[in-house]
Structures are given as C-alpha cells and as structure tokens.
Amino acid sequence: MSAIVVVIAAAALLIVLSGFGGLEKFSLSFASVFDPDLKVVPVTGKTFSVTPNQLDAISKIEGISAYSKIIEERVFLNFKQKNHIAYIKGVDANYGNVNPVDSIVGYGTWTLTDNTVVIGNGISNTLSLGIFNRNDALQIIVPKPGKGSITSQAKPYREAFVTATGIYQITEELDKKYVFTTFDLARDLTSIGDNEVSFLEIKTTKNADNDKIIEQLKTVFNNNIAVKNRKQLNDALYKMLNTENVAIYLIFTLVLIVALFNLAGAITMMILDKKDNLKTLYAVGITVPQLRNIFFLQGTLVTVGGGLLGILIGVILLIIQQNAPFVYIPPSLPYPVVIKISDILIVFSTISILGCSVSRMAANRISKKLLAK
C-alpha cells in the first residue's frame, strides 16, 4: 500500500508539472508570435533618432536577419458613433520579415496602404466594424502636440479615414490594443521627424548570440537606447508563470509529504510487529544502527522503486496525451503537456529525498530502550 501511494504521488506530480509546462508554453506562444527577438527602445521619451548610416550599420551586424522601423502612438477610433481608444502601430515593408503577420490574420488579408489598416478582433467587435467596408470609413484621430487650451486651435487634432482589410487574433488584450497601418501614415498622424521612430524590432538568426548583438546595437547608438529581448518584453508574464510553477510544486510537495506519512506508519508498524525478531538479532550481535538500516533500506527501496514506476506511468500517460489526446480544455483544444527531463529529475529527487528522510526518521524508532522492553 505504501508503494502504491508513492507510485500515484510520483505520477501525479510529474503530470501536474508537465501540464503546467504545457500551459506555460501555450501562453508564451502568443507572445512569441507578436513580439520580436529583440526590440530597440528609447531610454527617455517616446521616440529616438535613427540615421541611414545607423540602419546600414545594423544590417551589417552578424546575427540580424531583418529589422523593422515602428511608430506607435495612442489614438482615438470612431466608427458610426462608436468609439474606442487604442494604439496605432505604423510598420514599414520589412515588418513581415520580422514577425509572421500572415499567421495572426484570422479574417481578410494583411494589406497595408495609406488608406487601409489591419485591426484586432476586439476592436472589430467593439466598433462593429467588418473588413472591406468601402461605404463607411474608420476615423483615426490623434491630438496635436502643443501647449495651451485645446480650443486655441481651429482643429487640435489630425485625422485619417481608412478601411480595414484584415482582422488579427492573438489574445483578448492584444486584440483590443493595436491598429496596424503603414509607417508613413503613422508618421503623418503623429507628426514626428523623418528620422524618428518609436521602436526598432529585430529578428535574429537561429543560433545568434543575442548578448553580443545587444552590445553592438548599443555601440551603434552610443548607448542612447535600450535593447530588450523577448523575455524582458514579457517580464510580468514570465514572473507570474514562474511564481505559479513554484506554488504548484510546493503544494504538491506538501501533498507528497502527507502521503509519505503512510510509509512512515508502515515502517513503524513493521518495527513493532518484528520486535521479537529484532531482539533475537540484537542478542546475536547485530548493532542498533544495523537494525535501523534494515528498515531504512526497505523504505528507500519502496520510495525509489515506487518513484521510478510512478514516473514511468506518468511519462506514458503524457506521451498518450501528446499523440492521442484524451483530455481537452474546450472540445477543440487538447490540454497541452510538455515532457521535460528537468521535471523528471525534480520529481525523482523530491520523492527520493523526502522518502529517505521519512524512512530514516521511522527507522530511528529502534533503540536499546525499545529492544529492552
């Protein structure tokens, strides 16, 4: 019975860690589609200057396969008396080489001109805006920068009337956030300088040394910029997932500790049941530490053997879930799982250490005083 408990606990701990790893990978897959490998951002302010010579230097850095200039600004959207506040994201012709835009478009096409845009599914639902609506245009409004009262200018904003040609779908938050348009239209609406950009998004090659690339980028811009990798761009998400992972591990470790009390109880009962035999062995010269090692070894064998069998069962179930799913989140989405060697080692180490500790504590009940009774 103690071995069965250890087997179930080991399999459950591995399955839970692998299941959470699958959810983590599934969650981060959305960020990996939208976020670049590296993103150059200004240290201060909303924009920074990029000269043609600097762009030429960036293209010569080993490990960079593509880059795109980005202008991003908060805007006010108006369509048939329905309003929404979002961000306009002006991208140049290289943006498709940096991010796989075709994979995020759920309806329509990724077609950007000075009078067309691609919007998020959340924006489409909020404004009741479809694609290729030539009769009613989407109005994009950007306030003009300046000082004083807003009424001091006859028209204190810039505007553009555009048609949506595509609707992208990533996450609920991102689907409500961005309106993609051309770099030139975004520059006209925001009225920033010819060499000014909000960001540079960079795609690196497969085996590129990102740390070395970051140092070279900082040299190109004289350390007046900051460079963030994909993990830093999703810092809050990574921290949340890591915290949840640790919490789940600790909770199931606590469950495992409770389960191993069954092993401690079994060893204690065997000690009491075999007390007469232990007295005989003690009388013929076997020492108390040697007697303790008998039960410690038995508990260790139960723990290690049960842990290995539980891990094997867990791996088999996980492989079945990967290849022939039998657990689904919604009916159309199988529960994602990821088998990691690190998770297997964590489960085996946890069970071995806790099981051996419990076995040692239970075996230490054997003493000269107990044998003398």
Protein backbone atom coordinates (compact mmCIF):
# COMPACT_ATOMS: atom_id res chain seq x y z
CA MET A 1 0.00 0.00 0.00
CA SER A 2 2.85 2.38 0.77
CA ALA A 3 4.43 1.64 -2.60
CA ILE A 4 1.11 2.28 -4.37
CA VAL A 5 0.82 5.66 -2.63
CA VAL A 6 4.34 6.62 -3.76
CA VAL A 7 3.62 5.50 -7.35
CA ILE A 8 0.44 7.59 -7.52
CA ALA A 9 2.12 10.61 -5.92
CA ALA A 10 5.09 10.47 -8.32
CA ALA A 11 2.88 10.12 -11.40
CA ALA A 12 0.59 12.94 -10.23
CA LEU A 13 3.47 15.33 -9.51
CA LEU A 14 5.07 14.70 -12.92
CA ILE A 15 1.75 15.06 -14.76
CA VAL A 16 0.93 18.33 -12.99
CA LEU A 17 4.38 19.83 -13.67
CA SER A 18 4.25 18.73 -17.32
CA GLY A 19 0.70 20.04 -17.67
CA PHE A 20 1.69 23.41 -16.27
CA GLY A 21 4.73 23.43 -18.56
CA GLY A 22 2.39 22.86 -21.48
CA LEU A 23 0.14 25.73 -20.41
CA GLU A 24 3.18 27.96 -19.98
CA LYS A 25 4.43 27.14 -23.48
CA PHE A 26 0.92 27.61 -24.85
CA SER A 27 0.60 31.04 -23.20
CA LEU A 28 4.03 32.19 -24.35
CA SER A 29 3.35 31.04 -27.91
CA PHE A 30 1.06 34.05 -28.35
CA ALA A 31 3.79 36.42 -27.21
CA SER A 32 6.34 34.72 -29.48
CA VAL A 33 4.10 35.38 -32.50
CA PHE A 34 3.69 39.07 -31.74
CA ASP A 35 6.96 40.06 -30.07
CA PRO A 36 10.28 40.28 -31.94
CA ASP A 37 13.50 38.59 -30.88
CA LEU A 38 14.97 41.98 -29.92
CA LYS A 39 13.37 45.39 -29.54
CA VAL A 40 15.29 48.68 -29.52
CA VAL A 41 13.52 51.26 -27.35
CA PRO A 42 14.38 54.84 -26.33
CA VAL A 43 15.94 55.37 -22.91
CA THR A 44 13.92 58.55 -22.40
CA GLY A 45 10.96 59.97 -24.25
CA LYS A 46 8.70 58.28 -26.77
CA THR A 47 10.97 58.32 -29.83
CA PHE A 48 14.62 58.26 -30.82
CA SER A 49 16.54 59.18 -33.96
CA VAL A 50 17.79 56.59 -36.47
CA THR A 51 20.00 57.82 -39.30
CA PRO A 52 20.56 55.96 -42.60
CA ASN A 53 24.16 55.27 -41.54
CA GLN A 54 22.94 53.63 -38.33
CA LEU A 55 20.46 51.50 -40.26
CA ASP A 56 23.26 50.43 -42.58
CA ALA A 57 25.41 49.51 -39.56
CA ILE A 58 22.56 47.48 -38.08
CA SER A 59 22.13 45.49 -41.29
CA LYS A 60 25.82 44.54 -41.15
CA ILE A 61 25.68 43.14 -37.59
CA GLU A 62 26.20 39.38 -37.67
CA GLY A 63 23.14 37.52 -36.43
CA ILE A 64 20.49 40.05 -37.52
CA SER A 65 18.36 38.73 -40.36
CA ALA A 66 15.78 41.55 -40.55
CA TYR A 67 14.66 44.72 -38.80
CA SER A 68 11.63 46.99 -38.99
CA LYS A 69 11.00 50.62 -38.06
CA ILE A 70 7.95 51.17 -35.84
CA ILE A 71 5.90 54.22 -34.90
CA GLU A 72 3.46 53.68 -32.05
CA GLU A 73 1.03 56.22 -30.59
CA ARG A 74 -2.24 56.23 -28.71
CA VAL A 75 -5.22 57.15 -30.89
CA PHE A 76 -8.96 57.63 -30.76
CA LEU A 77 -11.07 55.48 -33.08
CA ASN A 78 -14.52 56.45 -34.29
CA PHE A 79 -16.88 54.40 -36.42
CA LYS A 80 -20.61 55.08 -36.71
CA GLN A 81 -20.80 56.87 -33.36
CA LYS A 82 -18.93 54.04 -31.62
CA ASN A 83 -15.60 54.94 -30.03
CA HIS A 84 -12.54 53.09 -28.81
CA ILE A 85 -9.09 54.13 -27.57
CA ALA A 86 -6.27 52.04 -29.00
CA TYR A 87 -2.72 52.31 -30.29
CA ILE A 88 -1.77 52.87 -33.89
CA LYS A 89 1.27 50.83 -34.93
CA GLY A 90 2.89 52.06 -38.09
CA VAL A 91 5.16 49.44 -39.63
CA ASP A 92 7.39 49.51 -42.70
CA ALA A 93 7.64 47.00 -45.53
CA ASN A 94 10.12 44.81 -43.58
CA TYR A 95 7.70 44.08 -40.75
CA GLY A 96 6.54 40.83 -42.35
CA ASN A 97 10.15 39.58 -42.26
CA VAL A 98 10.38 40.25 -38.52
CA ASN A 99 7.03 38.86 -37.38
CA PRO A 100 4.86 36.21 -39.10
CA VAL A 101 1.94 38.52 -39.82
CA ASP A 102 0.10 36.05 -42.04
CA SER A 103 -0.33 33.61 -39.14
CA ILE A 104 -2.16 36.13 -36.95
CA VAL A 105 -4.72 37.34 -39.52
CA GLY A 106 -7.97 35.49 -38.92
CA TYR A 107 -10.13 37.34 -41.47
CA GLY A 108 -9.20 39.21 -44.61
CA THR A 109 -5.61 39.88 -45.66
CA TRP A 110 -2.56 41.74 -44.37
CA THR A 111 -2.77 44.65 -46.81
CA LEU A 112 -1.43 47.98 -45.61
CA THR A 113 -1.60 51.18 -47.63
CA ASP A 114 -2.03 54.82 -46.65
CA ASN A 115 -5.81 54.33 -46.51
CA THR A 116 -6.07 50.74 -45.20
CA VAL A 117 -5.40 49.17 -41.82
CA VAL A 118 -5.45 45.79 -40.04
CA ILE A 119 -7.36 45.80 -36.75
CA GLY A 120 -7.71 43.42 -33.82
CA ASN A 121 -10.70 41.18 -33.29
CA GLY A 122 -11.53 43.00 -30.05
CA ILE A 123 -11.59 46.37 -31.83
CA SER A 124 -13.76 44.88 -34.57
CA ASN A 125 -16.29 43.64 -32.01
CA THR A 126 -16.28 46.91 -30.03
CA LEU A 127 -16.87 49.09 -33.09
CA SER A 128 -18.97 46.55 -35.03
CA LEU A 129 -16.50 47.06 -37.84
CA GLY A 130 -16.00 44.49 -40.60
CA ILE A 131 -13.47 44.29 -43.38
CA PHE A 132 -13.59 45.95 -46.81
CA ASN A 133 -16.35 48.33 -45.77
CA ARG A 134 -15.96 50.96 -48.50
CA ASN A 135 -19.11 52.86 -47.62
CA ASP A 136 -18.24 53.75 -44.01
CA ALA A 137 -14.63 54.56 -43.14
CA LEU A 138 -12.90 54.18 -39.79
CA GLN A 139 -11.79 57.54 -38.41
CA ILE A 140 -8.42 57.67 -36.62
CA ILE A 141 -7.86 60.77 -34.50
CA VAL A 142 -4.54 61.84 -32.95
CA PRO A 143 -4.36 65.06 -30.84
CA LYS A 144 -1.77 67.57 -31.99
CA PRO A 145 1.08 68.18 -29.53
CA GLY A 146 1.33 71.63 -28.06
CA LYS A 147 0.59 73.90 -25.12
CA GLY A 148 -2.38 75.93 -24.04
CA SER A 149 -6.10 75.34 -24.37
CA ILE A 150 -7.40 72.75 -26.81
CA THR A 151 -9.76 75.42 -28.16
CA SER A 152 -6.85 77.67 -29.14
CA GLN A 153 -6.58 75.79 -32.46
CA ALA A 154 -9.29 75.51 -35.06
CA LYS A 155 -8.56 71.80 -35.43
CA PRO A 156 -6.50 70.50 -32.48
CA TYR A 157 -6.10 67.00 -33.92
CA ARG A 158 -5.00 65.12 -37.00
CA GLU A 159 -7.24 62.52 -38.56
CA ALA A 160 -7.33 59.88 -41.23
CA PHE A 161 -10.17 57.87 -42.73
CA VAL A 162 -9.23 54.30 -43.50
CA THR A 163 -10.70 50.92 -44.44
CA ALA A 164 -9.97 47.70 -42.54
CA THR A 165 -8.64 44.95 -44.81
CA GLY A 166 -7.85 42.37 -42.18
CA ILE A 167 -8.62 41.32 -38.59
CA TYR A 168 -5.89 39.72 -36.45
CA GLN A 169 -6.40 37.41 -33.49
CA ILE A 170 -3.75 36.88 -30.80
CA THR A 171 -5.04 37.37 -27.26
CA GLU A 172 -8.02 39.22 -25.85
CA GLU A 173 -5.81 42.03 -24.54
CA LEU A 174 -3.78 42.50 -27.73
CA ASP A 175 -6.86 42.20 -29.95
CA LYS A 176 -8.20 45.39 -28.36
CA LYS A 177 -4.93 47.29 -28.40
CA TYR A 178 -3.44 47.77 -31.87
CA VAL A 179 -4.38 49.13 -35.26
CA PHE A 180 -1.68 48.33 -37.82
CA THR A 181 -1.01 50.81 -40.59
CA THR A 182 1.84 51.96 -42.78
CA PHE A 183 4.86 53.72 -41.34
CA ASP A 184 4.21 56.81 -43.48
CA LEU A 185 0.57 57.19 -42.39
CA ALA A 186 1.56 56.82 -38.74
CA ARG A 187 4.28 59.45 -39.20
CA ASP A 188 1.81 61.87 -40.79
CA LEU A 189 -0.67 61.39 -37.96
CA THR A 190 1.92 61.77 -35.20
CA SER A 191 3.96 64.43 -36.96
CA ILE A 192 7.33 63.12 -35.81
CA GLY A 193 10.58 63.81 -37.65
CA ASP A 194 11.76 61.94 -40.73
CA ASN A 195 14.44 60.01 -38.84
CA GLU A 196 12.41 59.49 -35.67
CA VAL A 197 10.98 56.09 -34.67
CA SER A 198 9.27 54.71 -31.59
CA PHE A 199 10.99 51.31 -31.76
CA LEU A 200 13.13 49.08 -33.89
CA GLU A 201 12.03 45.46 -33.97
CA ILE A 202 14.73 42.96 -34.89
CA LYS A 203 14.69 39.32 -35.95
CA THR A 204 17.84 37.33 -35.26
CA THR A 205 19.15 34.17 -36.88
CA LYS A 206 18.65 30.77 -35.27
CA ASN A 207 22.00 30.46 -33.48
CA ALA A 208 22.70 34.15 -32.98
CA ASP A 209 24.43 35.43 -29.86
CA ASN A 210 21.82 37.92 -28.63
CA ASP A 211 24.07 39.34 -25.91
CA LYS A 212 26.74 40.18 -28.47
CA ILE A 213 24.15 41.71 -30.81
CA ILE A 214 22.79 43.88 -27.97
CA GLU A 215 26.27 45.22 -27.22
CA GLN A 216 26.82 46.05 -30.89
CA LEU A 217 23.46 47.81 -31.13
CA LYS A 218 24.28 49.94 -28.10
CA THR A 219 27.58 50.85 -29.73
CA VAL A 220 25.81 51.91 -32.94
CA PHE A 221 23.52 54.25 -30.95
CA ASN A 222 26.23 55.40 -28.49
CA ASN A 223 24.34 53.78 -25.59
CA ASN A 224 21.41 56.16 -26.06
CA ILE A 225 18.94 53.29 -26.43
CA ALA A 226 17.91 50.16 -24.53
CA VAL A 227 17.50 46.72 -26.07
CA LYS A 228 15.02 44.18 -24.72
CA ASN A 229 14.77 40.51 -25.58
CA ARG A 230 11.52 38.56 -25.74
CA LYS A 231 11.69 37.55 -22.08
CA GLN A 232 12.17 41.16 -20.95
CA LEU A 233 9.27 42.28 -23.14
CA ASN A 234 7.04 39.82 -21.26
CA ASP A 235 8.71 40.21 -17.88
CA ALA A 236 5.45 40.31 -15.91
CA LEU A 237 4.12 37.22 -17.69
CA TYR A 238 7.31 35.24 -17.07
CA LYS A 239 7.35 36.23 -13.39
CA MET A 240 3.70 35.24 -12.98
CA LEU A 241 4.21 31.86 -14.66
CA ASN A 242 7.36 31.12 -12.64
CA THR A 243 5.61 32.06 -9.40
CA GLU A 244 2.67 29.82 -10.24
CA ASN A 245 5.04 27.00 -11.15
CA VAL A 246 6.82 27.22 -7.80
CA ALA A 247 3.49 27.44 -5.94
CA ILE A 248 2.13 24.34 -7.67
CA TYR A 249 5.35 22.43 -6.95
CA LEU A 250 5.23 23.37 -3.25
CA ILE A 251 1.55 22.44 -2.95
CA PHE A 252 2.07 19.01 -4.49
CA THR A 253 5.23 18.51 -2.43
CA LEU A 254 3.11 19.10 0.66
CA VAL A 255 0.64 16.51 -0.63
CA LEU A 256 3.55 14.14 -1.20
CA ILE A 257 4.81 14.67 2.36
CA VAL A 258 1.37 13.81 3.72
CA ALA A 259 1.30 10.71 1.50
CA LEU A 260 4.70 9.60 2.77
CA PHE A 261 3.36 9.56 6.33
CA ASN A 262 1.75 6.32 5.19
CA LEU A 263 5.23 4.92 4.57
CA ALA A 264 6.42 6.09 7.99
CA GLY A 265 3.42 4.44 9.61
CA ALA A 266 4.05 1.18 7.73
CA ILE A 267 7.71 1.07 8.82
CA THR A 268 6.74 1.80 12.42
CA MET A 269 4.15 -0.99 12.41
CA MET A 270 6.72 -3.43 10.97
CA ILE A 271 9.19 -2.47 13.69
CA LEU A 272 6.61 -3.15 16.40
CA ASP A 273 5.46 -6.36 14.69
CA LYS A 274 9.01 -7.69 14.36
CA LYS A 275 10.21 -6.57 17.78
CA ASP A 276 10.82 -10.14 18.99
CA ASN A 277 12.89 -10.90 15.88
CA LEU A 278 14.82 -7.69 16.39
CA LYS A 279 15.60 -8.73 19.98
CA THR A 280 16.94 -12.04 18.69
CA LEU A 281 19.15 -10.34 16.11
CA TYR A 282 20.34 -7.85 18.71
CA ALA A 283 21.19 -10.73 21.05
CA VAL A 284 23.38 -12.45 18.45
CA GLY A 285 25.45 -9.32 17.94
CA ILE A 286 23.76 -7.10 15.33
CA THR A 287 24.03 -3.47 16.42
CA VAL A 288 21.18 -0.97 16.70
CA PRO A 289 22.44 1.10 13.70
CA GLN A 290 22.49 -2.09 11.60
CA LEU A 291 18.92 -2.88 12.62
CA ARG A 292 17.87 0.64 11.73
CA ASN A 293 19.50 0.29 8.31
CA ILE A 294 17.31 -2.73 7.55
CA PHE A 295 14.13 -0.68 7.75
CA PHE A 296 15.77 2.39 6.26
CA LEU A 297 16.80 0.32 3.23
CA GLN A 298 13.30 -1.12 2.94
CA GLY A 299 11.75 2.36 3.00
CA THR A 300 14.32 3.61 0.49
CA LEU A 301 13.58 0.73 -1.89
CA VAL A 302 9.84 1.42 -1.66
CA THR A 303 10.40 5.12 -2.30
CA VAL A 304 12.90 4.84 -5.16
CA GLY A 305 11.13 1.90 -6.81
CA GLY A 306 7.70 3.49 -6.42
CA GLY A 307 9.04 6.81 -7.68
CA LEU A 308 10.57 5.26 -10.80
CA LEU A 309 7.39 3.29 -11.54
CA GLY A 310 5.25 6.40 -10.99
CA ILE A 311 7.47 8.45 -13.31
CA LEU A 312 7.23 5.71 -15.96
CA ILE A 313 3.43 5.67 -15.70
CA GLY A 314 3.34 9.47 -15.84
CA VAL A 315 5.56 9.60 -18.94
CA ILE A 316 3.38 7.00 -20.70
CA LEU A 317 0.21 8.98 -19.94
CA LEU A 318 1.86 12.21 -21.12
CA ILE A 319 3.02 10.61 -24.39
CA ILE A 320 -0.52 9.34 -24.99
CA GLN A 321 -1.89 12.84 -24.33
CA GLN A 322 0.58 14.32 -26.83
CA ASN A 323 -0.16 11.83 -29.61
CA ALA A 324 -3.76 10.75 -28.93
CA PRO A 325 -5.27 13.41 -26.64
CA PHE A 326 -7.92 12.27 -24.20
CA VAL A 327 -8.09 15.43 -22.01
CA TYR A 328 -9.37 18.66 -23.58
CA ILE A 329 -9.80 22.23 -22.32
CA PRO A 330 -12.56 23.16 -24.76
CA PRO A 331 -13.70 20.32 -27.04
CA SER A 332 -11.45 21.56 -29.85
CA LEU A 333 -8.25 22.17 -27.84
CA PRO A 334 -6.34 19.25 -26.26
CA TYR A 335 -4.70 20.02 -22.93
CA PRO A 336 -1.07 20.89 -23.76
CA VAL A 337 1.68 18.96 -21.98
CA VAL A 338 5.46 19.16 -22.23
CA ILE A 339 7.77 16.37 -21.07
CA LYS A 340 10.98 17.83 -19.67
CA ILE A 341 14.00 15.95 -18.35
CA SER A 342 14.26 18.63 -15.67
CA ASP A 343 10.73 17.85 -14.42
CA ILE A 344 11.54 14.13 -14.27
CA LEU A 345 14.70 14.84 -12.27
CA ILE A 346 12.81 17.21 -9.95
CA VAL A 347 10.12 14.60 -9.26
CA PHE A 348 12.62 11.79 -8.68
CA SER A 349 14.85 13.96 -6.46
CA THR A 350 11.90 15.23 -4.42
CA ILE A 351 10.47 11.75 -3.81
CA SER A 352 13.89 10.23 -3.10
CA ILE A 353 14.93 12.91 -0.62
CA LEU A 354 11.60 13.03 1.19
CA GLY A 355 11.18 9.24 1.15
CA CYS A 356 14.67 8.60 2.50
CA SER A 357 14.18 11.25 5.19
CA VAL A 358 10.86 9.73 6.28
CA SER A 359 12.37 6.21 6.24
CA ARG A 360 15.31 7.35 8.36
CA MET A 361 13.04 9.03 10.90
CA ALA A 362 10.84 5.95 11.14
CA ALA A 363 13.83 3.57 11.41
CA ASN A 364 15.28 5.66 14.23
CA ARG A 365 12.47 4.40 16.48
CA ILE A 366 14.63 1.32 17.00
CA SER A 367 16.64 1.88 20.15
CA LYS A 368 18.15 -0.10 23.01
CA LYS A 369 15.26 1.00 25.18
CA LEU A 370 12.75 -0.46 22.71
CA LEU A 371 14.65 -3.74 22.49
CA ALA A 372 14.90 -3.97 26.27
CA LYS A 373 11.13 -3.94 26.78
